[in-house]
PDB file of N, CA and C in Angstrom:
ATOM      1  N   MET A   1       0.834  -1.173   0.000  1.00  0.00           N
ATOM      2  CA  MET A   1       0.000   0.000   0.000  1.00  0.00           C
ATOM      3  C   MET A   1       0.885   1.245   0.000  1.00  0.00           C
ATOM      4  N   ASN A   2       0.522   2.213  -0.811  1.00  0.00           N
ATOM      5  CA  ASN A   2       1.271   3.462  -0.869  1.00  0.00           C
ATOM      6  C   ASN A   2       1.022   4.290   0.374  1.00  0.00           C
ATOM      7  N   LYS A   3       2.086   4.900   0.860  1.00  0.00           N
ATOM      8  CA  LYS A   3       1.971   5.749   2.042  1.00  0.00           C
ATOM      9  C   LYS A   3       2.807   6.993   1.849  1.00  0.00           C
ATOM     10  N   TYR A   4       2.404   8.058   2.500  1.00  0.00           N
ATOM     11  CA  TYR A   4       3.125   9.323   2.503  1.00  0.00           C
ATOM     12  C   TYR A   4       3.458   9.632   3.958  1.00  0.00           C
ATOM     13  N   LYS A   5       4.721   9.735   4.245  1.00  0.00           N
ATOM     14  CA  LYS A   5       5.163   9.960   5.622  1.00  0.00           C
ATOM     15  C   LYS A   5       4.551   8.926   6.569  1.00  0.00           C
ATOM     16  N   ASN A   6       4.501   7.682   6.088  1.00  0.00           N
ATOM     17  CA  ASN A   6       3.985   6.533   6.839  1.00  0.00           C
ATOM     18  C   ASN A   6       2.497   6.656   7.191  1.00  0.00           C
ATOM     19  N   LYS A   7       1.751   7.429   6.396  1.00  0.00           N
ATOM     20  CA  LYS A   7       0.312   7.601   6.599  1.00  0.00           C
ATOM     21  C   LYS A   7      -0.415   7.224   5.318  1.00  0.00           C
ATOM     22  N   SER A   8      -1.635   6.723   5.461  1.00  0.00           N
ATOM     23  CA  SER A   8      -2.449   6.394   4.294  1.00  0.00           C
ATOM     24  C   SER A   8      -3.201   7.607   3.760  1.00  0.00           C
ATOM     25  N   ASN A   9      -3.280   8.674   4.542  1.00  0.00           N
ATOM     26  CA  ASN A   9      -3.868   9.931   4.085  1.00  0.00           C
ATOM     27  C   ASN A   9      -3.298  11.070   4.918  1.00  0.00           C
ATOM     28  N   ILE A  10      -3.495  12.292   4.445  1.00  0.00           N
ATOM     29  CA  ILE A  10      -2.998  13.461   5.185  1.00  0.00           C
ATOM     30  C   ILE A  10      -4.132  14.273   5.799  1.00  0.00           C
ATOM     31  N   SER A  11      -5.357  13.807   5.626  1.00  0.00           N
ATOM     32  CA  SER A  11      -6.513  14.587   6.063  1.00  0.00           C
ATOM     33  C   SER A  11      -7.145  14.092   7.368  1.00  0.00           C
ATOM     34  N   GLY A  12      -6.696  12.966   7.874  1.00  0.00           N
ATOM     35  CA  GLY A  12      -7.339  12.349   9.029  1.00  0.00           C
ATOM     36  C   GLY A  12      -7.449  13.225  10.257  1.00  0.00           C
ATOM     37  N   LYS A  13      -6.378  13.887  10.639  1.00  0.00           N
ATOM     38  CA  LYS A  13      -6.406  14.726  11.844  1.00  0.00           C
ATOM     39  C   LYS A  13      -7.341  15.911  11.648  1.00  0.00           C
ATOM     40  N   ILE A  14      -7.318  16.508  10.472  1.00  0.00           N
ATOM     41  CA  ILE A  14      -8.203  17.642  10.188  1.00  0.00           C
ATOM     42  C   ILE A  14      -9.657  17.200  10.264  1.00  0.00           C
ATOM     43  N   ILE A  15      -9.958  16.046   9.691  1.00  0.00           N
ATOM     44  CA  ILE A  15     -11.314  15.509   9.726  1.00  0.00           C
ATOM     45  C   ILE A  15     -11.741  15.247  11.171  1.00  0.00           C
ATOM     46  N   HIS A  16     -10.872  14.595  11.922  1.00  0.00           N
ATOM     47  CA  HIS A  16     -11.190  14.290  13.321  1.00  0.00           C
ATOM     48  C   HIS A  16     -11.473  15.564  14.114  1.00  0.00           C
ATOM     49  N   ASP A  17     -10.564  16.529  14.021  1.00  0.00           N
ATOM     50  CA  ASP A  17     -10.718  17.767  14.784  1.00  0.00           C
ATOM     51  C   ASP A  17     -12.008  18.494  14.400  1.00  0.00           C
ATOM     52  N   SER A  18     -12.325  18.520  13.121  1.00  0.00           N
ATOM     53  CA  SER A  18     -13.530  19.200  12.665  1.00  0.00           C
ATOM     54  C   SER A  18     -14.793  18.448  13.099  1.00  0.00           C
ATOM     55  N   ARG A  19     -14.745  17.132  13.071  1.00  0.00           N
ATOM     56  CA  ARG A  19     -15.892  16.332  13.503  1.00  0.00           C
ATOM     57  C   ARG A  19     -16.187  16.590  14.983  1.00  0.00           C
ATOM     58  N   ILE A  20     -15.150  16.628  15.784  1.00  0.00           N
ATOM     59  CA  ILE A  20     -15.311  16.896  17.214  1.00  0.00           C
ATOM     60  C   ILE A  20     -15.836  18.321  17.415  1.00  0.00           C
ATOM     61  N   LYS A  21     -15.286  19.276  16.676  1.00  0.00           N
ATOM     62  CA  LYS A  21     -15.729  20.672  16.769  1.00  0.00           C
ATOM     63  C   LYS A  21     -17.220  20.799  16.452  1.00  0.00           C
ATOM     64  N   HIS A  22     -17.691  20.011  15.487  1.00  0.00           N
ATOM     65  CA  HIS A  22     -19.101  20.043  15.101  1.00  0.00           C
ATOM     66  C   HIS A  22     -19.965  19.118  15.976  1.00  0.00           C
ATOM     67  N   ASN A  23     -19.340  18.515  16.977  1.00  0.00           N
ATOM     68  CA  ASN A  23     -20.046  17.653  17.929  1.00  0.00           C
ATOM     69  C   ASN A  23     -20.791  16.508  17.232  1.00  0.00           C
ATOM     70  N   LEU A  24     -20.118  15.878  16.267  1.00  0.00           N
ATOM     71  CA  LEU A  24     -20.707  14.754  15.546  1.00  0.00           C
ATOM     72  C   LEU A  24     -20.003  13.462  15.936  1.00  0.00           C
ATOM     73  N   SER A  25     -20.777  12.446  16.216  1.00  0.00           N
ATOM     74  CA  SER A  25     -20.205  11.121  16.444  1.00  0.00           C
ATOM     75  C   SER A  25     -19.831  10.520  15.085  1.00  0.00           C
ATOM     76  N   LEU A  26     -19.075   9.450  15.131  1.00  0.00           N
ATOM     77  CA  LEU A  26     -18.742   8.742  13.896  1.00  0.00           C
ATOM     78  C   LEU A  26     -20.016   8.279  13.199  1.00  0.00           C
ATOM     79  N   GLU A  27     -20.962   7.805  13.963  1.00  0.00           N
ATOM     80  CA  GLU A  27     -22.225   7.321  13.405  1.00  0.00           C
ATOM     81  C   GLU A  27     -23.029   8.453  12.759  1.00  0.00           C
ATOM     82  N   LYS A  28     -23.080   9.602  13.409  1.00  0.00           N
ATOM     83  CA  LYS A  28     -23.823  10.738  12.843  1.00  0.00           C
ATOM     84  C   LYS A  28     -23.183  11.222  11.545  1.00  0.00           C
ATOM     85  N   LEU A  29     -21.861  11.264  11.507  1.00  0.00           N
ATOM     86  CA  LEU A  29     -21.179  11.656  10.272  1.00  0.00           C
ATOM     87  C   LEU A  29     -21.454  10.631   9.179  1.00  0.00           C
ATOM     88  N   SER A  30     -21.415   9.378   9.530  1.00  0.00           N
ATOM     89  CA  SER A  30     -21.720   8.313   8.570  1.00  0.00           C
ATOM     90  C   SER A  30     -23.127   8.490   7.991  1.00  0.00           C
ATOM     91  N   ASN A  31     -24.089   8.807   8.848  1.00  0.00           N
ATOM     92  CA  ASN A  31     -25.468   9.012   8.405  1.00  0.00           C
ATOM     93  C   ASN A  31     -25.593  10.211   7.477  1.00  0.00           C
ATOM     94  N   LYS A  32     -24.889  11.299   7.786  1.00  0.00           N
ATOM     95  CA  LYS A  32     -24.927  12.488   6.935  1.00  0.00           C
ATOM     96  C   LYS A  32     -24.287  12.202   5.576  1.00  0.00           C
ATOM     97  N   LEU A  33     -23.236  11.423   5.572  1.00  0.00           N
ATOM     98  CA  LEU A  33     -22.589  11.046   4.311  1.00  0.00           C
ATOM     99  C   LEU A  33     -23.532  10.208   3.460  1.00  0.00           C
ATOM    100  N   GLU A  34     -24.264   9.322   4.102  1.00  0.00           N
ATOM    101  CA  GLU A  34     -25.220   8.467   3.390  1.00  0.00           C
ATOM    102  C   GLU A  34     -26.264   9.320   2.664  1.00  0.00           C
ATOM    103  N   LEU A  35     -26.685  10.405   3.287  1.00  0.00           N
ATOM    104  CA  LEU A  35     -27.652  11.304   2.659  1.00  0.00           C
ATOM    105  C   LEU A  35     -27.102  11.954   1.389  1.00  0.00           C
ATOM    106  N   LEU A  36     -25.775  12.060   1.303  1.00  0.00           N
ATOM    107  CA  LEU A  36     -25.127  12.590   0.097  1.00  0.00           C
ATOM    108  C   LEU A  36     -24.784  11.480  -0.898  1.00  0.00           C
ATOM    109  N   GLY A  37     -25.135  10.247  -0.564  1.00  0.00           N
ATOM    110  CA  GLY A  37     -24.864   9.135  -1.460  1.00  0.00           C
ATOM    111  C   GLY A  37     -23.491   8.514  -1.297  1.00  0.00           C
ATOM    112  N   VAL A  38     -22.827   8.824  -0.194  1.00  0.00           N
ATOM    113  CA  VAL A  38     -21.486   8.290   0.079  1.00  0.00           C
ATOM    114  C   VAL A  38     -21.591   7.319   1.250  1.00  0.00           C
ATOM    115  N   THR A  39     -21.232   6.075   1.009  1.00  0.00           N
ATOM    116  CA  THR A  39     -21.295   5.063   2.058  1.00  0.00           C
ATOM    117  C   THR A  39     -19.933   4.919   2.728  1.00  0.00           C
ATOM    118  N   LEU A  40     -19.866   5.410   3.945  1.00  0.00           N
ATOM    119  CA  LEU A  40     -18.702   5.214   4.808  1.00  0.00           C
ATOM    120  C   LEU A  40     -19.252   4.817   6.169  1.00  0.00           C
ATOM    121  N   TYR A  41     -18.873   3.648   6.619  1.00  0.00           N
ATOM    122  CA  TYR A  41     -19.312   3.173   7.926  1.00  0.00           C
ATOM    123  C   TYR A  41     -18.492   3.864   9.014  1.00  0.00           C
ATOM    124  N   PRO A  42     -19.026   3.917  10.233  1.00  0.00           N
ATOM    125  CA  PRO A  42     -18.272   4.556  11.319  1.00  0.00           C
ATOM    126  C   PRO A  42     -16.826   4.045  11.445  1.00  0.00           C
ATOM    127  N   ASN A  43     -16.623   2.747  11.268  1.00  0.00           N
ATOM    128  CA  ASN A  43     -15.261   2.216  11.354  1.00  0.00           C
ATOM    129  C   ASN A  43     -14.377   2.728  10.222  1.00  0.00           C
ATOM    130  N   ASP A  44     -14.955   2.928   9.033  1.00  0.00           N
ATOM    131  CA  ASP A  44     -14.187   3.511   7.922  1.00  0.00           C
ATOM    132  C   ASP A  44     -13.710   4.908   8.287  1.00  0.00           C
ATOM    133  N   ILE A  45     -14.617   5.698   8.858  1.00  0.00           N
ATOM    134  CA  ILE A  45     -14.265   7.065   9.256  1.00  0.00           C
ATOM    135  C   ILE A  45     -13.201   7.044  10.344  1.00  0.00           C
ATOM    136  N   TYR A  46     -13.342   6.127  11.283  1.00  0.00           N
ATOM    137  CA  TYR A  46     -12.342   5.977  12.347  1.00  0.00           C
ATOM    138  C   TYR A  46     -10.955   5.710  11.744  1.00  0.00           C
ATOM    139  N   LEU A  47     -10.896   4.799  10.785  1.00  0.00           N
ATOM    140  CA  LEU A  47      -9.612   4.469  10.158  1.00  0.00           C
ATOM    141  C   LEU A  47      -9.054   5.647   9.360  1.00  0.00           C
ATOM    142  N   ILE A  48      -9.940   6.414   8.729  1.00  0.00           N
ATOM    143  CA  ILE A  48      -9.501   7.620   8.019  1.00  0.00           C
ATOM    144  C   ILE A  48      -8.899   8.597   9.017  1.00  0.00           C
ATOM    145  N   GLU A  49      -9.599   8.827  10.118  1.00  0.00           N
ATOM    146  CA  GLU A  49      -9.111   9.768  11.132  1.00  0.00           C
ATOM    147  C   GLU A  49      -7.781   9.325  11.739  1.00  0.00           C
ATOM    148  N   LYS A  50      -7.567   8.027  11.827  1.00  0.00           N
ATOM    149  CA  LYS A  50      -6.309   7.500  12.366  1.00  0.00           C
ATOM    150  C   LYS A  50      -5.242   7.384  11.279  1.00  0.00           C
ATOM    151  N   GLU A  51      -5.575   7.892  10.059  1.00  0.00           N
ATOM    152  CA  GLU A  51      -4.657   7.909   8.910  1.00  0.00           C
ATOM    153  C   GLU A  51      -4.224   6.508   8.507  1.00  0.00           C
ATOM    154  N   GLN A  52      -5.139   5.544   8.666  1.00  0.00           N
ATOM    155  CA  GLN A  52      -4.851   4.150   8.336  1.00  0.00           C
ATOM    156  C   GLN A  52      -5.639   3.666   7.124  1.00  0.00           C
ATOM    157  N   ARG A  53      -6.453   4.549   6.536  1.00  0.00           N
ATOM    158  CA  ARG A  53      -7.253   4.188   5.369  1.00  0.00           C
ATOM    159  C   ARG A  53      -7.143   5.295   4.334  1.00  0.00           C
ATOM    160  N   ILE A  54      -6.995   4.904   3.081  1.00  0.00           N
ATOM    161  CA  ILE A  54      -6.975   5.864   1.980  1.00  0.00           C
ATOM    162  C   ILE A  54      -8.374   6.458   1.831  1.00  0.00           C
ATOM    163  N   VAL A  55      -8.424   7.743   1.502  1.00  0.00           N
ATOM    164  CA  VAL A  55      -9.700   8.431   1.291  1.00  0.00           C
ATOM    165  C   VAL A  55      -9.856   8.694  -0.205  1.00  0.00           C
ATOM    166  N   LYS A  56     -10.957   8.243  -0.757  1.00  0.00           N
ATOM    167  CA  LYS A  56     -11.243   8.521  -2.166  1.00  0.00           C
ATOM    168  C   LYS A  56     -11.627   9.982  -2.299  1.00  0.00           C
ATOM    169  N   ASP A  57     -11.366  10.557  -3.473  1.00  0.00           N
ATOM    170  CA  ASP A  57     -11.616  11.985  -3.654  1.00  0.00           C
ATOM    171  C   ASP A  57     -13.066  12.365  -3.379  1.00  0.00           C
ATOM    172  N   PHE A  58     -14.026  11.579  -3.841  1.00  0.00           N
ATOM    173  CA  PHE A  58     -15.434  11.920  -3.607  1.00  0.00           C
ATOM    174  C   PHE A  58     -15.809  11.785  -2.139  1.00  0.00           C
ATOM    175  N   GLU A  59     -15.158  10.869  -1.420  1.00  0.00           N
ATOM    176  CA  GLU A  59     -15.398  10.746   0.020  1.00  0.00           C
ATOM    177  C   GLU A  59     -14.892  11.995   0.739  1.00  0.00           C
ATOM    178  N   LEU A  60     -13.693  12.413   0.369  1.00  0.00           N
ATOM    179  CA  LEU A  60     -13.089  13.581   0.994  1.00  0.00           C
ATOM    180  C   LEU A  60     -13.924  14.831   0.737  1.00  0.00           C
ATOM    181  N   MET A  61     -14.397  15.004  -0.490  1.00  0.00           N
ATOM    182  CA  MET A  61     -15.198  16.184  -0.812  1.00  0.00           C
ATOM    183  C   MET A  61     -16.508  16.193  -0.022  1.00  0.00           C
ATOM    184  N   ALA A  62     -17.127  15.030   0.133  1.00  0.00           N
ATOM    185  CA  ALA A  62     -18.372  14.948   0.908  1.00  0.00           C
ATOM    186  C   ALA A  62     -18.114  15.244   2.380  1.00  0.00           C
ATOM    187  N   ILE A  63     -17.041  14.693   2.924  1.00  0.00           N
ATOM    188  CA  ILE A  63     -16.693  14.952   4.325  1.00  0.00           C
ATOM    189  C   ILE A  63     -16.426  16.438   4.527  1.00  0.00           C
ATOM    190  N   CYS A  64     -15.669  17.037   3.622  1.00  0.00           N
ATOM    191  CA  CYS A  64     -15.363  18.466   3.728  1.00  0.00           C
ATOM    192  C   CYS A  64     -16.633  19.310   3.659  1.00  0.00           C
ATOM    193  N   LYS A  65     -17.565  18.915   2.816  1.00  0.00           N
ATOM    194  CA  LYS A  65     -18.826  19.650   2.701  1.00  0.00           C
ATOM    195  C   LYS A  65     -19.605  19.598   4.017  1.00  0.00           C
ATOM    196  N   ILE A  66     -19.717  18.425   4.584  1.00  0.00           N
ATOM    197  CA  ILE A  66     -20.475  18.261   5.836  1.00  0.00           C
ATOM    198  C   ILE A  66     -19.804  18.974   7.002  1.00  0.00           C
ATOM    199  N   LEU A  67     -18.499  18.866   7.080  1.00  0.00           N
ATOM    200  CA  LEU A  67     -17.768  19.431   8.219  1.00  0.00           C
ATOM    201  C   LEU A  67     -17.264  20.849   7.973  1.00  0.00           C
ATOM    202  N   ASP A  68     -17.611  21.410   6.814  1.00  0.00           N
ATOM    203  CA  ASP A  68     -17.211  22.772   6.464  1.00  0.00           C
ATOM    204  C   ASP A  68     -15.691  22.943   6.543  1.00  0.00           C
ATOM    205  N   ILE A  69     -14.981  22.006   5.935  1.00  0.00           N
ATOM    206  CA  ILE A  69     -13.520  22.047   5.895  1.00  0.00           C
ATOM    207  C   ILE A  69     -13.096  22.674   4.570  1.00  0.00           C
ATOM    208  N   ASP A  70     -12.256  23.685   4.636  1.00  0.00           N
ATOM    209  CA  ASP A  70     -11.696  24.299   3.440  1.00  0.00           C
ATOM    210  C   ASP A  70     -10.627  23.346   2.906  1.00  0.00           C
ATOM    211  N   THR A  71     -10.791  22.886   1.684  1.00  0.00           N
ATOM    212  CA  THR A  71      -9.851  21.908   1.124  1.00  0.00           C
ATOM    213  C   THR A  71      -8.435  22.452   1.029  1.00  0.00           C
ATOM    214  N   ARG A  72      -8.283  23.767   1.024  1.00  0.00           N
ATOM    215  CA  ARG A  72      -6.926  24.338   1.013  1.00  0.00           C
ATOM    216  C   ARG A  72      -6.170  23.979   2.291  1.00  0.00           C
ATOM    217  N   LYS A  73      -6.901  23.805   3.389  1.00  0.00           N
ATOM    218  CA  LYS A  73      -6.279  23.420   4.665  1.00  0.00           C
ATOM    219  C   LYS A  73      -5.629  22.048   4.543  1.00  0.00           C
ATOM    220  N   ILE A  74      -6.278  21.163   3.820  1.00  0.00           N
ATOM    221  CA  ILE A  74      -5.719  19.825   3.618  1.00  0.00           C
ATOM    222  C   ILE A  74      -4.469  19.905   2.752  1.00  0.00           C
ATOM    223  N   LYS A  75      -4.521  20.718   1.733  1.00  0.00           N
ATOM    224  CA  LYS A  75      -3.369  20.894   0.846  1.00  0.00           C
ATOM    225  C   LYS A  75      -2.144  21.375   1.619  1.00  0.00           C
ATOM    226  N   GLU A  76      -2.368  22.202   2.626  1.00  0.00           N
ATOM    227  CA  GLU A  76      -1.265  22.715   3.439  1.00  0.00           C
ATOM    228  C   GLU A  76      -0.534  21.631   4.203  1.00  0.00           C
ATOM    229  N   GLU A  77      -1.165  20.463   4.354  1.00  0.00           N
ATOM    230  CA  GLU A  77      -0.542  19.360   5.087  1.00  0.00           C
ATOM    231  C   GLU A  77       0.585  18.702   4.282  1.00  0.00           C
ATOM    232  N   LEU A  78       0.656  18.964   2.997  1.00  0.00           N
ATOM    233  CA  LEU A  78       1.712  18.367   2.167  1.00  0.00           C
ATOM    234  C   LEU A  78       3.053  18.979   2.445  1.00  0.00           C
TER     235      LEU A  78
END
């Protein structure tokens, strides 16, 4: 599996921090994603936040939309 700085993604911490800021559980975020047509189970989100799972571009865009994350912030992590 490809990794960058020994991580499967660079957005996990930003996603986690924003989810907590918005007071959303993993399950609630999963449910909101489902409404946008994106299926991510709570465990998938957990693995993304722990930087142990690759995030597909459409998953990331949906998460950013729900959590009001500016995608430029993620780019800064590079």
